[in-house]
PDB file of N, CA and C in Angstrom:
ATOM      1  N   MET A   1      32.503 -14.397 -58.518  1.00  0.00           N
ATOM      2  CA  MET A   1      32.813 -13.239 -57.575  1.00  0.00           C
ATOM      3  C   MET A   1      33.013 -13.848 -56.250  1.00  0.00           C
ATOM      4  N   PRO A   2      34.112 -13.657 -55.674  1.00  0.00           N
ATOM      5  CA  PRO A   2      34.432 -14.100 -54.259  1.00  0.00           C
ATOM      6  C   PRO A   2      33.697 -13.202 -53.316  1.00  0.00           C
ATOM      7  N   ILE A   3      33.250 -13.737 -52.263  1.00  0.00           N
ATOM      8  CA  ILE A   3      32.897 -12.644 -51.175  1.00  0.00           C
ATOM      9  C   ILE A   3      34.043 -12.431 -50.066  1.00  0.00           C
ATOM     10  N   SER A   4      34.201 -11.110 -49.685  1.00  0.00           N
ATOM     11  CA  SER A   4      35.272 -10.909 -48.951  1.00  0.00           C
ATOM     12  C   SER A   4      34.975 -10.800 -47.397  1.00  0.00           C
ATOM     13  N   ASP A   5      35.980 -10.967 -46.657  1.00  0.00           N
ATOM     14  CA  ASP A   5      35.730 -10.983 -45.150  1.00  0.00           C
ATOM     15  C   ASP A   5      34.903  -9.634 -44.770  1.00  0.00           C
ATOM     16  N   ALA A   6      35.260  -8.549 -45.463  1.00  0.00           N
ATOM     17  CA  ALA A   6      34.379  -7.342 -45.008  1.00  0.00           C
ATOM     18  C   ALA A   6      33.033  -7.418 -45.470  1.00  0.00           C
ATOM     19  N   ASP A   7      32.594  -8.223 -46.480  1.00  0.00           N
ATOM     20  CA  ASP A   7      31.157  -8.117 -46.694  1.00  0.00           C
ATOM     21  C   ASP A   7      30.487  -9.305 -46.046  1.00  0.00           C
ATOM     22  N   LEU A   8      31.173 -10.406 -45.456  1.00  0.00           N
ATOM     23  CA  LEU A   8      30.764 -11.337 -44.504  1.00  0.00           C
ATOM     24  C   LEU A   8      30.563 -10.560 -43.247  1.00  0.00           C
ATOM     25  N   THR A   9      31.506  -9.683 -42.771  1.00  0.00           N
ATOM     26  CA  THR A   9      31.426  -8.901 -41.488  1.00  0.00           C
ATOM     27  C   THR A   9      29.995  -8.140 -41.576  1.00  0.00           C
ATOM     28  N   THR A  10      29.968  -7.368 -42.746  1.00  0.00           N
ATOM     29  CA  THR A  10      28.784  -6.482 -42.832  1.00  0.00           C
ATOM     30  C   THR A  10      27.415  -7.240 -42.766  1.00  0.00           C
ATOM     31  N   VAL A  11      27.223  -8.501 -43.413  1.00  0.00           N
ATOM     32  CA  VAL A  11      26.121  -8.959 -43.361  1.00  0.00           C
ATOM     33  C   VAL A  11      25.795  -9.573 -41.932  1.00  0.00           C
ATOM     34  N   ALA A  12      26.883 -10.187 -41.378  1.00  0.00           N
ATOM     35  CA  ALA A  12      26.754 -10.462 -39.854  1.00  0.00           C
ATOM     36  C   ALA A  12      26.254  -9.562 -39.033  1.00  0.00           C
ATOM     37  N   ALA A  13      26.713  -8.302 -39.254  1.00  0.00           N
ATOM     38  CA  ALA A  13      26.438  -7.172 -38.262  1.00  0.00           C
ATOM     39  C   ALA A  13      24.812  -6.867 -38.591  1.00  0.00           C
ATOM     40  N   ARG A  14      24.541  -6.750 -39.868  1.00  0.00           N
ATOM     41  CA  ARG A  14      23.182  -6.516 -40.245  1.00  0.00           C
ATOM     42  C   ARG A  14      22.267  -7.566 -39.705  1.00  0.00           C
ATOM     43  N   LEU A  15      22.629  -9.031 -39.806  1.00  0.00           N
ATOM     44  CA  LEU A  15      21.578  -9.969 -39.362  1.00  0.00           C
ATOM     45  C   LEU A  15      21.526 -10.120 -37.695  1.00  0.00           C
ATOM     46  N   ALA A  16      22.675  -9.677 -36.989  1.00  0.00           N
ATOM     47  CA  ALA A  16      22.671  -9.469 -35.597  1.00  0.00           C
ATOM     48  C   ALA A  16      21.542  -8.587 -34.913  1.00  0.00           C
ATOM     49  N   LYS A  17      21.475  -7.316 -35.670  1.00  0.00           N
ATOM     50  CA  LYS A  17      20.710  -6.269 -35.084  1.00  0.00           C
ATOM     51  C   LYS A  17      19.089  -6.835 -35.130  1.00  0.00           C
ATOM     52  N   PRO A  18      18.345  -7.396 -35.970  1.00  0.00           N
ATOM     53  CA  PRO A  18      17.251  -7.832 -35.836  1.00  0.00           C
ATOM     54  C   PRO A  18      17.096  -9.196 -35.053  1.00  0.00           C
ATOM     55  N   GLU A  19      17.981  -9.724 -34.866  1.00  0.00           N
ATOM     56  CA  GLU A  19      18.061 -11.017 -33.651  1.00  0.00           C
ATOM     57  C   GLU A  19      17.997 -10.280 -32.380  1.00  0.00           C
ATOM     58  N   GLY A  20      18.718  -9.230 -32.185  1.00  0.00           N
ATOM     59  CA  GLY A  20      18.710  -8.511 -30.780  1.00  0.00           C
ATOM     60  C   GLY A  20      17.406  -8.037 -30.371  1.00  0.00           C
ATOM     61  N   GLU A  21      16.687  -7.500 -31.674  1.00  0.00           N
ATOM     62  CA  GLU A  21      15.430  -6.914 -31.602  1.00  0.00           C
ATOM     63  C   GLU A  21      14.351  -8.082 -31.304  1.00  0.00           C
ATOM     64  N   ASN A  22      14.666  -9.160 -31.749  1.00  0.00           N
ATOM     65  CA  ASN A  22      13.545 -10.317 -31.651  1.00  0.00           C
ATOM     66  C   ASN A  22      13.749 -10.562 -30.136  1.00  0.00           C
ATOM     67  N   GLN A  23      14.938 -10.721 -29.630  1.00  0.00           N
ATOM     68  CA  GLN A  23      15.083 -11.123 -28.185  1.00  0.00           C
ATOM     69  C   GLN A  23      14.366 -10.189 -27.194  1.00  0.00           C
ATOM     70  N   GLN A  24      14.469  -8.972 -27.580  1.00  0.00           N
ATOM     71  CA  GLN A  24      13.757  -7.848 -26.782  1.00  0.00           C
ATOM     72  C   GLN A  24      12.295  -8.125 -26.818  1.00  0.00           C
ATOM     73  N   LEU A  25      11.907  -8.257 -28.133  1.00  0.00           N
ATOM     74  CA  LEU A  25      10.405  -8.530 -28.245  1.00  0.00           C
ATOM     75  C   LEU A  25       9.873  -9.747 -27.497  1.00  0.00           C
ATOM     76  N   SER A  26      10.745 -10.839 -27.539  1.00  0.00           N
ATOM     77  CA  SER A  26      10.225 -12.143 -27.005  1.00  0.00           C
ATOM     78  C   SER A  26      10.135 -11.770 -25.430  1.00  0.00           C
ATOM     79  N   ARG A  27      11.133 -11.016 -24.771  1.00  0.00           N
ATOM     80  CA  ARG A  27      11.184 -10.755 -23.406  1.00  0.00           C
ATOM     81  C   ARG A  27       9.862  -9.982 -23.095  1.00  0.00           C
ATOM     82  N   LEU A  28       9.668  -9.021 -23.818  1.00  0.00           N
ATOM     83  CA  LEU A  28       8.326  -8.082 -23.623  1.00  0.00           C
ATOM     84  C   LEU A  28       7.156  -9.021 -23.871  1.00  0.00           C
ATOM     85  N   VAL A  29       7.074  -9.874 -24.510  1.00  0.00           N
ATOM     86  CA  VAL A  29       5.869 -10.604 -24.768  1.00  0.00           C
ATOM     87  C   VAL A  29       5.714 -11.790 -23.546  1.00  0.00           C
ATOM     88  N   ALA A  30       6.786 -12.282 -23.175  1.00  0.00           N
ATOM     89  CA  ALA A  30       6.791 -13.111 -21.917  1.00  0.00           C
ATOM     90  C   ALA A  30       6.259 -12.260 -20.725  1.00  0.00           C
ATOM     91  N   ALA A  31       6.858 -10.880 -20.534  1.00  0.00           N
ATOM     92  CA  ALA A  31       6.467 -10.165 -19.308  1.00  0.00           C
ATOM     93  C   ALA A  31       4.918  -9.928 -19.554  1.00  0.00           C
ATOM     94  N   ALA A  32       4.600  -9.668 -20.603  1.00  0.00           N
ATOM     95  CA  ALA A  32       2.914  -9.245 -20.636  1.00  0.00           C
ATOM     96  C   ALA A  32       2.340 -10.592 -20.315  1.00  0.00           C
ATOM     97  N   VAL A  33       2.718 -11.525 -20.897  1.00  0.00           N
ATOM     98  CA  VAL A  33       1.966 -13.001 -20.544  1.00  0.00           C
ATOM     99  C   VAL A  33       2.005 -13.136 -19.036  1.00  0.00           C
ATOM    100  N   LEU A  34       2.991 -12.852 -18.565  1.00  0.00           N
ATOM    101  CA  LEU A  34       3.177 -13.245 -17.012  1.00  0.00           C
ATOM    102  C   LEU A  34       2.271 -12.251 -16.225  1.00  0.00           C
ATOM    103  N   LEU A  35       2.179 -11.000 -16.672  1.00  0.00           N
ATOM    104  CA  LEU A  35       1.575 -10.106 -15.778  1.00  0.00           C
ATOM    105  C   LEU A  35       0.182 -10.264 -16.085  1.00  0.00           C
ATOM    106  N   GLY A  36      -0.330 -10.881 -17.316  1.00  0.00           N
ATOM    107  CA  GLY A  36      -1.851 -11.178 -17.538  1.00  0.00           C
ATOM    108  C   GLY A  36      -2.158 -12.501 -16.639  1.00  0.00           C
ATOM    109  N   LEU A  37      -1.353 -13.283 -16.483  1.00  0.00           N
ATOM    110  CA  LEU A  37      -1.684 -14.517 -15.743  1.00  0.00           C
ATOM    111  C   LEU A  37      -1.538 -14.159 -14.100  1.00  0.00           C
ATOM    112  N   ALA A  38      -0.734 -13.354 -13.829  1.00  0.00           N
ATOM    113  CA  ALA A  38      -0.790 -12.840 -12.426  1.00  0.00           C
ATOM    114  C   ALA A  38      -2.190 -12.215 -12.119  1.00  0.00           C
ATOM    115  N   SER A  39      -2.624 -11.158 -13.108  1.00  0.00           N
ATOM    116  CA  SER A  39      -3.813 -10.332 -12.903  1.00  0.00           C
ATOM    117  C   SER A  39      -4.954 -11.254 -12.908  1.00  0.00           C
ATOM    118  N   THR A  40      -4.695 -12.286 -13.587  1.00  0.00           N
ATOM    119  CA  THR A  40      -6.129 -13.245 -13.671  1.00  0.00           C
ATOM    120  C   THR A  40      -6.170 -14.144 -12.075  1.00  0.00           C
ATOM    121  N   CYS A  41      -4.973 -14.574 -11.692  1.00  0.00           N
ATOM    122  CA  CYS A  41      -4.960 -15.152 -10.614  1.00  0.00           C
ATOM    123  C   CYS A  41      -5.347 -14.268  -9.313  1.00  0.00           C
ATOM    124  N   LEU A  42      -4.951 -12.900  -9.468  1.00  0.00           N
ATOM    125  CA  LEU A  42      -5.501 -12.316  -8.279  1.00  0.00           C
ATOM    126  C   LEU A  42      -7.030 -11.661  -8.481  1.00  0.00           C
ATOM    127  N   SER A  43      -7.332 -11.844  -9.553  1.00  0.00           N
ATOM    128  CA  SER A  43      -8.943 -11.411  -9.792  1.00  0.00           C
ATOM    129  C   SER A  43      -9.806 -12.677  -9.295  1.00  0.00           C
ATOM    130  N   LEU A  44      -9.271 -13.975  -9.498  1.00  0.00           N
ATOM    131  CA  LEU A  44      -9.918 -15.193  -8.824  1.00  0.00           C
ATOM    132  C   LEU A  44      -9.806 -15.168  -7.339  1.00  0.00           C
ATOM    133  N   ILE A  45      -8.661 -14.675  -6.940  1.00  0.00           N
ATOM    134  CA  ILE A  45      -8.448 -14.680  -5.343  1.00  0.00           C
ATOM    135  C   ILE A  45      -9.168 -13.454  -4.930  1.00  0.00           C
ATOM    136  N   HIS A  46      -9.296 -12.342  -5.405  1.00  0.00           N
ATOM    137  CA  HIS A  46      -9.733 -11.079  -4.718  1.00  0.00           C
ATOM    138  C   HIS A  46     -11.112 -11.258  -4.280  1.00  0.00           C
ATOM    139  N   PRO A  47     -12.045 -11.809  -4.858  1.00  0.00           N
ATOM    140  CA  PRO A  47     -13.396 -11.805  -4.026  1.00  0.00           C
ATOM    141  C   PRO A  47     -13.422 -12.387  -2.675  1.00  0.00           C
ATOM    142  N   ALA A  48     -12.826 -13.630  -2.668  1.00  0.00           N
ATOM    143  CA  ALA A  48     -12.615 -14.187  -1.276  1.00  0.00           C
ATOM    144  C   ALA A  48     -12.064 -13.431  -0.311  1.00  0.00           C
ATOM    145  N   VAL A  49     -10.870 -12.745  -0.625  1.00  0.00           N
ATOM    146  CA  VAL A  49     -10.076 -11.850   0.281  1.00  0.00           C
ATOM    147  C   VAL A  49     -10.899 -10.721   0.595  1.00  0.00           C
ATOM    148  N   ALA A  50     -11.641 -10.099  -0.419  1.00  0.00           N
ATOM    149  CA  ALA A  50     -12.475  -8.875  -0.036  1.00  0.00           C
ATOM    150  C   ALA A  50     -13.366  -9.365   1.048  1.00  0.00           C
ATOM    151  N   GLN A  51     -14.179 -10.241   0.730  1.00  0.00           N
ATOM    152  CA  GLN A  51     -15.268 -10.628   1.671  1.00  0.00           C
ATOM    153  C   GLN A  51     -14.707 -11.035   2.901  1.00  0.00           C
ATOM    154  N   GLU A  52     -13.386 -11.688   3.238  1.00  0.00           N
ATOM    155  CA  GLU A  52     -12.965 -11.764   4.603  1.00  0.00           C
ATOM    156  C   GLU A  52     -12.456 -10.656   5.339  1.00  0.00           C
ATOM    157  N   SER A  53     -11.861  -9.376   4.476  1.00  0.00           N
ATOM    158  CA  SER A  53     -11.717  -8.382   4.994  1.00  0.00           C
ATOM    159  C   SER A  53     -12.695  -7.539   5.432  1.00  0.00           C
ATOM    160  N   LYS A  54     -13.705  -7.604   4.671  1.00  0.00           N
ATOM    161  CA  LYS A  54     -15.078  -6.951   4.911  1.00  0.00           C
ATOM    162  C   LYS A  54     -15.766  -7.455   6.201  1.00  0.00           C
ATOM    163  N   SER A  55     -15.586  -8.778   6.508  1.00  0.00           N
ATOM    164  CA  SER A  55     -16.296  -9.234   7.788  1.00  0.00           C
ATOM    165  C   SER A  55     -15.346  -8.905   8.999  1.00  0.00           C
ATOM    166  N   ASP A  56     -14.083  -8.750   8.730  1.00  0.00           N
ATOM    167  CA  ASP A  56     -13.052  -8.488   9.753  1.00  0.00           C
ATOM    168  C   ASP A  56     -13.360  -6.769  10.132  1.00  0.00           C
ATOM    169  N   LEU A  57     -13.528  -5.959   9.255  1.00  0.00           N
ATOM    170  CA  LEU A  57     -13.724  -4.783   9.417  1.00  0.00           C
ATOM    171  C   LEU A  57     -14.997  -4.515  10.385  1.00  0.00           C
ATOM    172  N   HIS A  58     -16.128  -5.308  10.171  1.00  0.00           N
ATOM    173  CA  HIS A  58     -17.287  -5.119  10.878  1.00  0.00           C
ATOM    174  C   HIS A  58     -17.203  -5.508  12.400  1.00  0.00           C
ATOM    175  N   THR A  59     -15.934  -6.210  12.652  1.00  0.00           N
ATOM    176  CA  THR A  59     -15.851  -6.688  14.104  1.00  0.00           C
ATOM    177  C   THR A  59     -15.053  -6.051  14.696  1.00  0.00           C
ATOM    178  N   LEU A  60     -14.247  -4.983  14.093  1.00  0.00           N
ATOM    179  CA  LEU A  60     -13.216  -4.084  14.631  1.00  0.00           C
ATOM    180  C   LEU A  60     -13.792  -2.999  15.709  1.00  0.00           C
ATOM    181  N   ASP A  61     -13.730  -3.021  16.730  1.00  0.00           N
ATOM    182  CA  ASP A  61     -13.956  -1.958  17.668  1.00  0.00           C
ATOM    183  C   ASP A  61     -13.249  -0.635  18.000  1.00  0.00           C
ATOM    184  N   ASP A  62     -11.866  -1.119  17.960  1.00  0.00           N
ATOM    185  CA  ASP A  62     -11.030   0.119  18.137  1.00  0.00           C
ATOM    186  C   ASP A  62      -9.510  -0.606  17.649  1.00  0.00           C
ATOM    187  N   PHE A  63      -8.662   0.419  17.455  1.00  0.00           N
ATOM    188  CA  PHE A  63      -7.393  -0.053  16.871  1.00  0.00           C
ATOM    189  C   PHE A  63      -6.587   0.882  17.643  1.00  0.00           C
ATOM    190  N   ALA A  64      -5.376   0.233  18.080  1.00  0.00           N
ATOM    191  CA  ALA A  64      -4.317   0.886  19.005  1.00  0.00           C
ATOM    192  C   ALA A  64      -2.995   0.641  18.284  1.00  0.00           C
ATOM    193  N   LEU A  65      -2.046   1.575  18.384  1.00  0.00           N
ATOM    194  CA  LEU A  65      -0.759   1.432  18.001  1.00  0.00           C
ATOM    195  C   LEU A  65       0.138   1.676  19.153  1.00  0.00           C
ATOM    196  N   ARG A  66       0.995   0.586  19.437  1.00  0.00           N
ATOM    197  CA  ARG A  66       1.787   0.514  20.658  1.00  0.00           C
ATOM    198  C   ARG A  66       3.123   0.900  20.225  1.00  0.00           C
ATOM    199  N   ASP A  67       4.235   1.469  21.141  1.00  0.00           N
ATOM    200  CA  ASP A  67       5.608   1.687  20.861  1.00  0.00           C
ATOM    201  C   ASP A  67       6.367   0.574  21.286  1.00  0.00           C
ATOM    202  N   ALA A  68       7.640   0.540  21.273  1.00  0.00           N
ATOM    203  CA  ALA A  68       8.611  -0.567  21.388  1.00  0.00           C
ATOM    204  C   ALA A  68       8.472  -1.034  22.843  1.00  0.00           C
ATOM    205  N   ALA A  69       8.003  -0.190  23.643  1.00  0.00           N
ATOM    206  CA  ALA A  69       7.869  -0.674  25.108  1.00  0.00           C
ATOM    207  C   ALA A  69       6.263  -1.019  25.582  1.00  0.00           C
ATOM    208  N   GLY A  70       5.631  -1.168  24.514  1.00  0.00           N
ATOM    209  CA  GLY A  70       4.140  -1.635  24.672  1.00  0.00           C
ATOM    210  C   GLY A  70       3.056  -0.539  25.091  1.00  0.00           C
ATOM    211  N   ARG A  71       3.520   0.443  25.282  1.00  0.00           N
ATOM    212  CA  ARG A  71       2.438   1.549  25.585  1.00  0.00           C
ATOM    213  C   ARG A  71       1.838   2.245  24.302  1.00  0.00           C
ATOM    214  N   VAL A  72       0.314   2.333  24.565  1.00  0.00           N
ATOM    215  CA  VAL A  72      -0.508   2.712  23.549  1.00  0.00           C
ATOM    216  C   VAL A  72      -0.217   4.178  23.210  1.00  0.00           C
ATOM    217  N   ARG A  73       0.249   4.641  22.068  1.00  0.00           N
ATOM    218  CA  ARG A  73       0.595   5.988  21.628  1.00  0.00           C
ATOM    219  C   ARG A  73      -0.387   6.507  20.647  1.00  0.00           C
ATOM    220  N   ALA A  74      -1.306   5.712  19.868  1.00  0.00           N
ATOM    221  CA  ALA A  74      -2.316   6.263  18.994  1.00  0.00           C
ATOM    222  C   ALA A  74      -3.554   5.230  19.199  1.00  0.00           C
ATOM    223  N   GLN A  75      -4.643   5.864  19.062  1.00  0.00           N
ATOM    224  CA  GLN A  75      -5.809   5.117  19.099  1.00  0.00           C
ATOM    225  C   GLN A  75      -7.052   5.565  18.351  1.00  0.00           C
ATOM    226  N   LEU A  76      -7.504   4.603  17.492  1.00  0.00           N
ATOM    227  CA  LEU A  76      -8.751   4.944  16.767  1.00  0.00           C
ATOM    228  C   LEU A  76      -9.858   4.087  17.257  1.00  0.00           C
ATOM    229  N   ALA A  77     -10.950   4.679  17.810  1.00  0.00           N
ATOM    230  CA  ALA A  77     -12.144   4.011  18.409  1.00  0.00           C
ATOM    231  C   ALA A  77     -13.263   4.767  18.311  1.00  0.00           C
ATOM    232  N   PHE A  78     -14.450   4.445  19.017  1.00  0.00           N
ATOM    233  CA  PHE A  78     -15.782   5.117  18.989  1.00  0.00           C
ATOM    234  C   PHE A  78     -16.112   5.340  20.238  1.00  0.00           C
ATOM    235  N   SER A  79     -16.667   6.483  20.312  1.00  0.00           N
ATOM    236  CA  SER A  79     -16.964   7.262  21.796  1.00  0.00           C
ATOM    237  C   SER A  79     -18.084   6.445  22.463  1.00  0.00           C
ATOM    238  N   ASP A  80     -17.858   6.278  23.706  1.00  0.00           N
ATOM    239  CA  ASP A  80     -18.882   5.490  24.487  1.00  0.00           C
ATOM    240  C   ASP A  80     -20.106   6.143  24.783  1.00  0.00           C
ATOM    241  N   ALA A  81     -20.008   7.557  24.617  1.00  0.00           N
ATOM    242  CA  ALA A  81     -21.134   8.383  24.728  1.00  0.00           C
ATOM    243  C   ALA A  81     -22.232   8.286  23.627  1.00  0.00           C
ATOM    244  N   ASP A  82     -21.686   8.501  22.288  1.00  0.00           N
ATOM    245  CA  ASP A  82     -22.567   8.488  21.272  1.00  0.00           C
ATOM    246  C   ASP A  82     -22.147   7.666  20.037  1.00  0.00           C
ATOM    247  N   GLY A  83     -20.953   6.907  20.196  1.00  0.00           N
ATOM    248  CA  GLY A  83     -20.443   6.080  19.017  1.00  0.00           C
ATOM    249  C   GLY A  83     -19.754   6.896  17.913  1.00  0.00           C
ATOM    250  N   SER A  84     -19.356   8.151  18.219  1.00  0.00           N
ATOM    251  CA  SER A  84     -18.714   8.833  17.283  1.00  0.00           C
ATOM    252  C   SER A  84     -17.401   8.379  17.041  1.00  0.00           C
ATOM    253  N   PRO A  85     -16.760   8.485  15.949  1.00  0.00           N
ATOM    254  CA  PRO A  85     -15.267   7.944  15.584  1.00  0.00           C
ATOM    255  C   PRO A  85     -14.398   9.137  16.529  1.00  0.00           C
ATOM    256  N   MET A  86     -13.219   8.394  16.761  1.00  0.00           N
ATOM    257  CA  MET A  86     -12.508   9.336  17.672  1.00  0.00           C
ATOM    258  C   MET A  86     -10.984   8.818  17.308  1.00  0.00           C
ATOM    259  N   PHE A  87      -9.990   9.820  17.229  1.00  0.00           N
ATOM    260  CA  PHE A  87      -8.621   9.613  16.933  1.00  0.00           C
ATOM    261  C   PHE A  87      -7.749  10.299  18.009  1.00  0.00           C
ATOM    262  N   SER A  88      -6.968   9.544  18.677  1.00  0.00           N
ATOM    263  CA  SER A  88      -6.127  10.407  19.634  1.00  0.00           C
ATOM    264  C   SER A  88      -4.651   9.705  19.666  1.00  0.00           C
ATOM    265  N   LEU A  89      -3.824  10.909  19.851  1.00  0.00           N
ATOM    266  CA  LEU A  89      -2.387  10.538  19.984  1.00  0.00           C
ATOM    267  C   LEU A  89      -1.843  10.822  21.337  1.00  0.00           C
ATOM    268  N   LEU A  90      -1.230   9.862  22.043  1.00  0.00           N
ATOM    269  CA  LEU A  90      -0.934   9.793  23.420  1.00  0.00           C
ATOM    270  C   LEU A  90       0.588  10.047  23.731  1.00  0.00           C
ATOM    271  N   ASP A  91       1.028  10.760  24.718  1.00  0.00           N
ATOM    272  CA  ASP A  91       2.304  10.672  25.055  1.00  0.00           C
ATOM    273  C   ASP A  91       2.976   9.504  25.740  1.00  0.00           C
ATOM    274  N   ALA A  92       4.152   9.493  26.148  1.00  0.00           N
ATOM    275  CA  ALA A  92       4.627   8.250  26.688  1.00  0.00           C
ATOM    276  C   ALA A  92       4.094   7.785  27.976  1.00  0.00           C
ATOM    277  N   GLU A  93       3.368   8.968  28.805  1.00  0.00           N
ATOM    278  CA  GLU A  93       2.606   8.545  29.999  1.00  0.00           C
ATOM    279  C   GLU A  93       1.386   8.195  29.964  1.00  0.00           C
ATOM    280  N   GLY A  94       0.901   8.225  28.348  1.00  0.00           N
ATOM    281  CA  GLY A  94      -0.537   7.889  28.298  1.00  0.00           C
ATOM    282  C   GLY A  94      -1.490   8.954  28.284  1.00  0.00           C
ATOM    283  N   ARG A  95      -1.143  10.210  28.462  1.00  0.00           N
ATOM    284  CA  ARG A  95      -1.737  11.531  28.417  1.00  0.00           C
ATOM    285  C   ARG A  95      -2.189  11.900  26.851  1.00  0.00           C
ATOM    286  N   SER A  96      -3.308  12.365  26.794  1.00  0.00           N
ATOM    287  CA  SER A  96      -3.678  12.569  25.394  1.00  0.00           C
ATOM    288  C   SER A  96      -3.093  13.990  25.143  1.00  0.00           C
ATOM    289  N   ARG A  97      -2.535  14.007  23.722  1.00  0.00           N
ATOM    290  CA  ARG A  97      -1.965  15.096  23.146  1.00  0.00           C
ATOM    291  C   ARG A  97      -2.467  15.574  22.071  1.00  0.00           C
ATOM    292  N   LEU A  98      -3.334  14.849  21.407  1.00  0.00           N
ATOM    293  CA  LEU A  98      -4.052  15.279  20.243  1.00  0.00           C
ATOM    294  C   LEU A  98      -5.448  14.357  20.209  1.00  0.00           C
ATOM    295  N   LEU A  99      -6.621  15.218  20.118  1.00  0.00           N
ATOM    296  CA  LEU A  99      -7.777  14.384  20.051  1.00  0.00           C
ATOM    297  C   LEU A  99      -8.542  14.714  18.928  1.00  0.00           C
ATOM    298  N   ILE A 100      -8.980  14.018  17.955  1.00  0.00           N
ATOM    299  CA  ILE A 100      -9.996  14.381  16.805  1.00  0.00           C
ATOM    300  C   ILE A 100     -11.120  13.442  16.837  1.00  0.00           C
ATOM    301  N   TRP A 101     -12.231  14.157  16.790  1.00  0.00           N
ATOM    302  CA  TRP A 101     -13.619  13.321  16.693  1.00  0.00           C
ATOM    303  C   TRP A 101     -14.591  14.083  16.028  1.00  0.00           C
ATOM    304  N   ALA A 102     -15.518  13.141  15.466  1.00  0.00           N
ATOM    305  CA  ALA A 102     -16.579  13.865  14.649  1.00  0.00           C
ATOM    306  C   ALA A 102     -17.904  13.202  15.297  1.00  0.00           C
ATOM    307  N   ASP A 103     -18.660  14.323  15.889  1.00  0.00           N
ATOM    308  CA  ASP A 103     -19.915  13.805  16.303  1.00  0.00           C
ATOM    309  C   ASP A 103     -21.064  14.369  15.298  1.00  0.00           C
ATOM    310  N   ALA A 104     -22.273  13.980  15.732  1.00  0.00           N
ATOM    311  CA  ALA A 104     -23.555  14.463  14.672  1.00  0.00           C
ATOM    312  C   ALA A 104     -23.537  15.939  14.404  1.00  0.00           C
ATOM    313  N   GLN A 105     -22.894  16.702  15.297  1.00  0.00           N
ATOM    314  CA  GLN A 105     -23.061  18.068  15.155  1.00  0.00           C
ATOM    315  C   GLN A 105     -21.842  18.841  14.617  1.00  0.00           C
ATOM    316  N   SER A 106     -20.587  18.373  14.973  1.00  0.00           N
ATOM    317  CA  SER A 106     -19.397  18.926  14.506  1.00  0.00           C
ATOM    318  C   SER A 106     -18.304  17.909  14.491  1.00  0.00           C
ATOM    319  N   THR A 107     -17.408  18.480  13.952  1.00  0.00           N
ATOM    320  CA  THR A 107     -15.967  17.995  13.878  1.00  0.00           C
ATOM    321  C   THR A 107     -14.911  18.587  14.787  1.00  0.00           C
ATOM    322  N   SER A 108     -14.302  18.299  15.881  1.00  0.00           N
ATOM    323  CA  SER A 108     -13.354  18.918  16.596  1.00  0.00           C
ATOM    324  C   SER A 108     -12.071  18.317  16.896  1.00  0.00           C
ATOM    325  N   ILE A 109     -11.129  19.211  16.963  1.00  0.00           N
ATOM    326  CA  ILE A 109      -9.583  18.839  17.059  1.00  0.00           C
ATOM    327  C   ILE A 109      -9.076  19.656  18.347  1.00  0.00           C
ATOM    328  N   VAL A 110      -8.626  18.873  19.231  1.00  0.00           N
ATOM    329  CA  VAL A 110      -8.195  19.432  20.426  1.00  0.00           C
ATOM    330  C   VAL A 110      -6.534  19.010  20.683  1.00  0.00           C
ATOM    331  N   GLY A 111      -5.870  20.065  21.087  1.00  0.00           N
ATOM    332  CA  GLY A 111      -4.552  19.656  21.395  1.00  0.00           C
ATOM    333  C   GLY A 111      -4.280  19.884  22.871  1.00  0.00           C
ATOM    334  N   TYR A 112      -3.402  19.209  23.511  1.00  0.00           N
ATOM    335  CA  TYR A 112      -3.175  19.098  24.938  1.00  0.00           C
ATOM    336  C   TYR A 112      -1.668  19.502  25.008  1.00  0.00           C
ATOM    337  N   SER A 113      -1.187  20.609  25.964  1.00  0.00           N
ATOM    338  CA  SER A 113       0.172  20.723  26.068  1.00  0.00           C
ATOM    339  C   SER A 113       0.640  19.587  27.113  1.00  0.00           C
ATOM    340  N   PRO A 114       2.065  19.410  27.250  1.00  0.00           N
ATOM    341  CA  PRO A 114       2.281  18.296  28.266  1.00  0.00           C
ATOM    342  C   PRO A 114       1.974  18.427  29.723  1.00  0.00           C
ATOM    343  N   ASN A 115       1.573  19.712  30.101  1.00  0.00           N
ATOM    344  CA  ASN A 115       1.001  19.751  31.555  1.00  0.00           C
ATOM    345  C   ASN A 115      -0.527  19.493  31.428  1.00  0.00           C
ATOM    346  N   GLY A 116      -1.149  19.289  30.498  1.00  0.00           N
ATOM    347  CA  GLY A 116      -2.512  19.063  30.421  1.00  0.00           C
ATOM    348  C   GLY A 116      -3.352  19.997  30.015  1.00  0.00           C
ATOM    349  N   GLY A 117      -2.987  21.230  29.718  1.00  0.00           N
ATOM    350  CA  GLY A 117      -3.721  22.450  29.172  1.00  0.00           C
ATOM    351  C   GLY A 117      -4.055  22.347  27.889  1.00  0.00           C
ATOM    352  N   ARG A 118      -5.162  22.778  27.409  1.00  0.00           N
ATOM    353  CA  ARG A 118      -5.820  22.662  26.091  1.00  0.00           C
ATOM    354  C   ARG A 118      -5.276  23.780  25.363  1.00  0.00           C
ATOM    355  N   PHE A 119      -5.260  23.598  23.947  1.00  0.00           N
ATOM    356  CA  PHE A 119      -5.037  24.655  23.149  1.00  0.00           C
ATOM    357  C   PHE A 119      -5.654  24.429  21.808  1.00  0.00           C
TER     358      PHE A 119
END
């Protein structure tokens, strides 16, 4: 019994489907292996990075954000009076527009108008 071209085409189509699925599975396994290797590398590096960051955090006294002209526009610092944390937003002239701080008794939020008035 001879095999027709239609039978060969059907067999070839049926074989192509599992081959395509195998390629997808191979890619998925390769991605999982790479993800596992990356996660292992990060876990080995992480303790050193965490220790370095922790020591830097203890030496940071204040943090300032500057605009393109170099003016301080936001600042995170500690109060000179009692060491309370403070966050302030400043306008282009360096005047305080918003001040948030937390001391031992309370947390306060004060807004200032452009002419210096509080609200």
